[in-house]
Amino acid sequence: MPELRVHAGRHYAVQFIYALPDDSWCVELSEAVPAPASWAGIPDAKTHLPGDMLMAAVVPDEDPSLEPTIHVHTDEPIPYAIMRWFMDHVTEQVEHCRRGFEQAAAEASE
């Protein structure tokens, strides 16, 4: 489920997707778009959904020698507060994957 945030009247979404061919997590930032009007009567329905991707961070979780990378898919400026919010999510994912590498290495050495 994407996490949504509003900044200066614009809606943004961060979502996590596992990219199986790359053995990596992909953290995507997009400008959120309004949900279909038909959802208006559905209790607890989201009001916005992820739209076109603005940026993606690819975080490997199978090979500790690979570095995370950032891919920019827009020429539009991204507000600093939104970039920080996105990078906080990326940092958390990188730390999570590195803890997994360390745990796997410790278990392998036992």
C-alpha atoms as a PDB file:
ATOM      1  CA  MET A   1       0.000   0.000   0.000  1.00  0.00           C
ATOM      2  CA  PRO A   2       1.533   3.342  -0.957  1.00  0.00           C
ATOM      3  CA  GLU A   3       2.206   6.025   1.613  1.00  0.00           C
ATOM      4  CA  LEU A   4       0.768   9.404   0.641  1.00  0.00           C
ATOM      5  CA  ARG A   5       1.852  12.932   1.537  1.00  0.00           C
ATOM      6  CA  VAL A   6       0.607  16.396   0.569  1.00  0.00           C
ATOM      7  CA  HIS A   7       3.057  19.239   0.046  1.00  0.00           C
ATOM      8  CA  ALA A   8       2.162  22.712  -1.244  1.00  0.00           C
ATOM      9  CA  GLY A   9      -1.173  21.418  -2.541  1.00  0.00           C
ATOM     10  CA  ARG A  10       0.347  18.529  -4.512  1.00  0.00           C
ATOM     11  CA  HIS A  11      -0.034  14.876  -3.561  1.00  0.00           C
ATOM     12  CA  TYR A  12       2.899  12.465  -3.614  1.00  0.00           C
ATOM     13  CA  ALA A  13       3.167   8.711  -3.089  1.00  0.00           C
ATOM     14  CA  VAL A  14       5.965   6.379  -2.046  1.00  0.00           C
ATOM     15  CA  GLN A  15       5.585   2.673  -2.703  1.00  0.00           C
ATOM     16  CA  PHE A  16       7.810  -0.387  -2.390  1.00  0.00           C
ATOM     17  CA  ILE A  17       7.933  -2.968  -5.165  1.00  0.00           C
ATOM     18  CA  TYR A  18      10.147  -6.029  -5.354  1.00  0.00           C
ATOM     19  CA  ALA A  19      11.943  -6.276  -8.704  1.00  0.00           C
ATOM     20  CA  LEU A  20      12.480 -10.019  -8.998  1.00  0.00           C
ATOM     21  CA  PRO A  21      14.734  -9.909 -12.099  1.00  0.00           C
ATOM     22  CA  ASP A  22      17.100  -7.553 -10.241  1.00  0.00           C
ATOM     23  CA  ASP A  23      16.809  -9.207  -6.800  1.00  0.00           C
ATOM     24  CA  SER A  24      16.193  -5.706  -5.491  1.00  0.00           C
ATOM     25  CA  TRP A  25      13.622  -3.573  -3.774  1.00  0.00           C
ATOM     26  CA  CYS A  26      12.444  -0.591  -5.745  1.00  0.00           C
ATOM     27  CA  VAL A  27      11.321   2.428  -3.740  1.00  0.00           C
ATOM     28  CA  GLU A  28       9.280   4.641  -6.071  1.00  0.00           C
ATOM     29  CA  LEU A  29       8.272   8.273  -5.691  1.00  0.00           C
ATOM     30  CA  SER A  30       5.389   9.519  -7.799  1.00  0.00           C
ATOM     31  CA  GLU A  31       3.017  12.424  -7.890  1.00  0.00           C
ATOM     32  CA  ALA A  32      -0.267  10.932  -6.717  1.00  0.00           C
ATOM     33  CA  VAL A  33      -3.382  11.205  -8.876  1.00  0.00           C
ATOM     34  CA  PRO A  34      -7.021  11.253  -7.740  1.00  0.00           C
ATOM     35  CA  ALA A  35      -8.655   7.862  -7.272  1.00  0.00           C
ATOM     36  CA  PRO A  36     -11.549   7.019  -9.592  1.00  0.00           C
ATOM     37  CA  ALA A  37     -14.776   8.843  -8.746  1.00  0.00           C
ATOM     38  CA  SER A  38     -16.512   5.471  -8.491  1.00  0.00           C
ATOM     39  CA  TRP A  39     -14.535   4.839  -5.283  1.00  0.00           C
ATOM     40  CA  ALA A  40     -16.211   7.758  -3.497  1.00  0.00           C
ATOM     41  CA  GLY A  41     -18.842   5.539  -1.867  1.00  0.00           C
ATOM     42  CA  ILE A  42     -16.402   2.880  -0.687  1.00  0.00           C
ATOM     43  CA  PRO A  43     -15.565   3.158   3.023  1.00  0.00           C
ATOM     44  CA  ASP A  44     -11.845   3.775   3.720  1.00  0.00           C
ATOM     45  CA  ALA A  45     -11.047   3.967   0.001  1.00  0.00           C
ATOM     46  CA  LYS A  46      -7.911   5.888  -0.919  1.00  0.00           C
ATOM     47  CA  THR A  47      -8.481   9.340  -2.365  1.00  0.00           C
ATOM     48  CA  HIS A  48      -5.229   9.255  -4.355  1.00  0.00           C
ATOM     49  CA  LEU A  49      -3.140   6.591  -6.074  1.00  0.00           C
ATOM     50  CA  PRO A  50       0.452   6.589  -7.331  1.00  0.00           C
ATOM     51  CA  GLY A  51       0.782   8.222 -10.722  1.00  0.00           C
ATOM     52  CA  ASP A  52       3.742   8.448 -13.065  1.00  0.00           C
ATOM     53  CA  MET A  53       7.053   7.701 -11.364  1.00  0.00           C
ATOM     54  CA  LEU A  54       9.282  10.685 -10.612  1.00  0.00           C
ATOM     55  CA  MET A  55      12.191   8.807  -9.042  1.00  0.00           C
ATOM     56  CA  ALA A  56      13.121   5.262  -8.109  1.00  0.00           C
ATOM     57  CA  ALA A  57      15.729   3.864  -5.770  1.00  0.00           C
ATOM     58  CA  VAL A  58      16.919   0.335  -6.489  1.00  0.00           C
ATOM     59  CA  VAL A  59      18.106  -1.398  -3.312  1.00  0.00           C
ATOM     60  CA  PRO A  60      19.744  -4.820  -3.860  1.00  0.00           C
ATOM     61  CA  ASP A  61      18.864  -7.380  -1.202  1.00  0.00           C
ATOM     62  CA  GLU A  62      20.691 -10.478  -2.500  1.00  0.00           C
ATOM     63  CA  ASP A  63      24.220  -9.236  -3.251  1.00  0.00           C
ATOM     64  CA  PRO A  64      25.917  -7.080  -0.589  1.00  0.00           C
ATOM     65  CA  SER A  65      28.572  -5.918  -3.078  1.00  0.00           C
ATOM     66  CA  LEU A  66      25.977  -4.024  -5.119  1.00  0.00           C
ATOM     67  CA  GLU A  67      25.267  -0.399  -4.209  1.00  0.00           C
ATOM     68  CA  PRO A  68      21.789   1.143  -4.122  1.00  0.00           C
ATOM     69  CA  THR A  69      21.129   3.474  -7.051  1.00  0.00           C
ATOM     70  CA  ILE A  70      18.762   6.376  -7.694  1.00  0.00           C
ATOM     71  CA  HIS A  71      17.055   6.838 -11.064  1.00  0.00           C
ATOM     72  CA  VAL A  72      15.389  10.148 -11.940  1.00  0.00           C
ATOM     73  CA  HIS A  73      12.467   9.967 -14.371  1.00  0.00           C
ATOM     74  CA  THR A  74      11.411  13.609 -14.491  1.00  0.00           C
ATOM     75  CA  ASP A  75      12.645  17.054 -15.445  1.00  0.00           C
ATOM     76  CA  GLU A  76      10.193  18.624 -12.988  1.00  0.00           C
ATOM     77  CA  PRO A  77      11.640  20.003  -9.761  1.00  0.00           C
ATOM     78  CA  ILE A  78      10.951  17.918  -6.654  1.00  0.00           C
ATOM     79  CA  PRO A  79      10.438  19.923  -3.454  1.00  0.00           C
ATOM     80  CA  TYR A  80      13.163  19.487  -0.848  1.00  0.00           C
ATOM     81  CA  ALA A  81      10.705  18.247   1.813  1.00  0.00           C
ATOM     82  CA  ILE A  82       9.436  15.541  -0.551  1.00  0.00           C
ATOM     83  CA  MET A  83      12.966  14.528  -1.540  1.00  0.00           C
ATOM     84  CA  ARG A  84      13.896  14.191   2.160  1.00  0.00           C
ATOM     85  CA  TRP A  85      10.734  12.132   2.820  1.00  0.00           C
ATOM     86  CA  PHE A  86      11.563   9.855  -0.109  1.00  0.00           C
ATOM     87  CA  MET A  87      15.216   9.493   0.903  1.00  0.00           C
ATOM     88  CA  ASP A  88      14.185   8.639   4.480  1.00  0.00           C
ATOM     89  CA  HIS A  89      12.247   5.683   3.030  1.00  0.00           C
ATOM     90  CA  VAL A  90      15.224   4.725   0.861  1.00  0.00           C
ATOM     91  CA  THR A  91      17.583   4.909   3.848  1.00  0.00           C
ATOM     92  CA  GLU A  92      15.304   2.674   5.908  1.00  0.00           C
ATOM     93  CA  GLN A  93      15.160   0.115   3.083  1.00  0.00           C
ATOM     94  CA  VAL A  94      18.954   0.139   2.628  1.00  0.00           C
ATOM     95  CA  GLU A  95      19.465  -0.368   6.365  1.00  0.00           C
ATOM     96  CA  HIS A  96      16.893  -3.180   6.406  1.00  0.00           C
ATOM     97  CA  CYS A  97      18.639  -4.993   3.533  1.00  0.00           C
ATOM     98  CA  ARG A  98      22.087  -4.529   5.085  1.00  0.00           C
ATOM     99  CA  ARG A  99      20.851  -5.975   8.385  1.00  0.00           C
ATOM    100  CA  GLY A 100      19.616  -8.946   6.364  1.00  0.00           C
ATOM    101  CA  PHE A 101      23.071  -9.348   4.752  1.00  0.00           C
ATOM    102  CA  GLU A 102      24.725  -9.254   8.179  1.00  0.00           C
ATOM    103  CA  GLN A 103      22.282 -11.777   9.640  1.00  0.00           C
ATOM    104  CA  ALA A 104      22.739 -14.151   6.707  1.00  0.00           C
ATOM    105  CA  ALA A 105      26.543 -13.877   7.005  1.00  0.00           C
ATOM    106  CA  ALA A 106      26.391 -14.565  10.740  1.00  0.00           C
ATOM    107  CA  GLU A 107      24.159 -17.603  10.221  1.00  0.00           C
ATOM    108  CA  ALA A 108      26.445 -18.929   7.478  1.00  0.00           C
ATOM    109  CA  SER A 109      29.503 -18.696   9.728  1.00  0.00           C
ATOM    110  CA  GLU A 110      27.872 -20.699  12.556  1.00  0.00           C
END
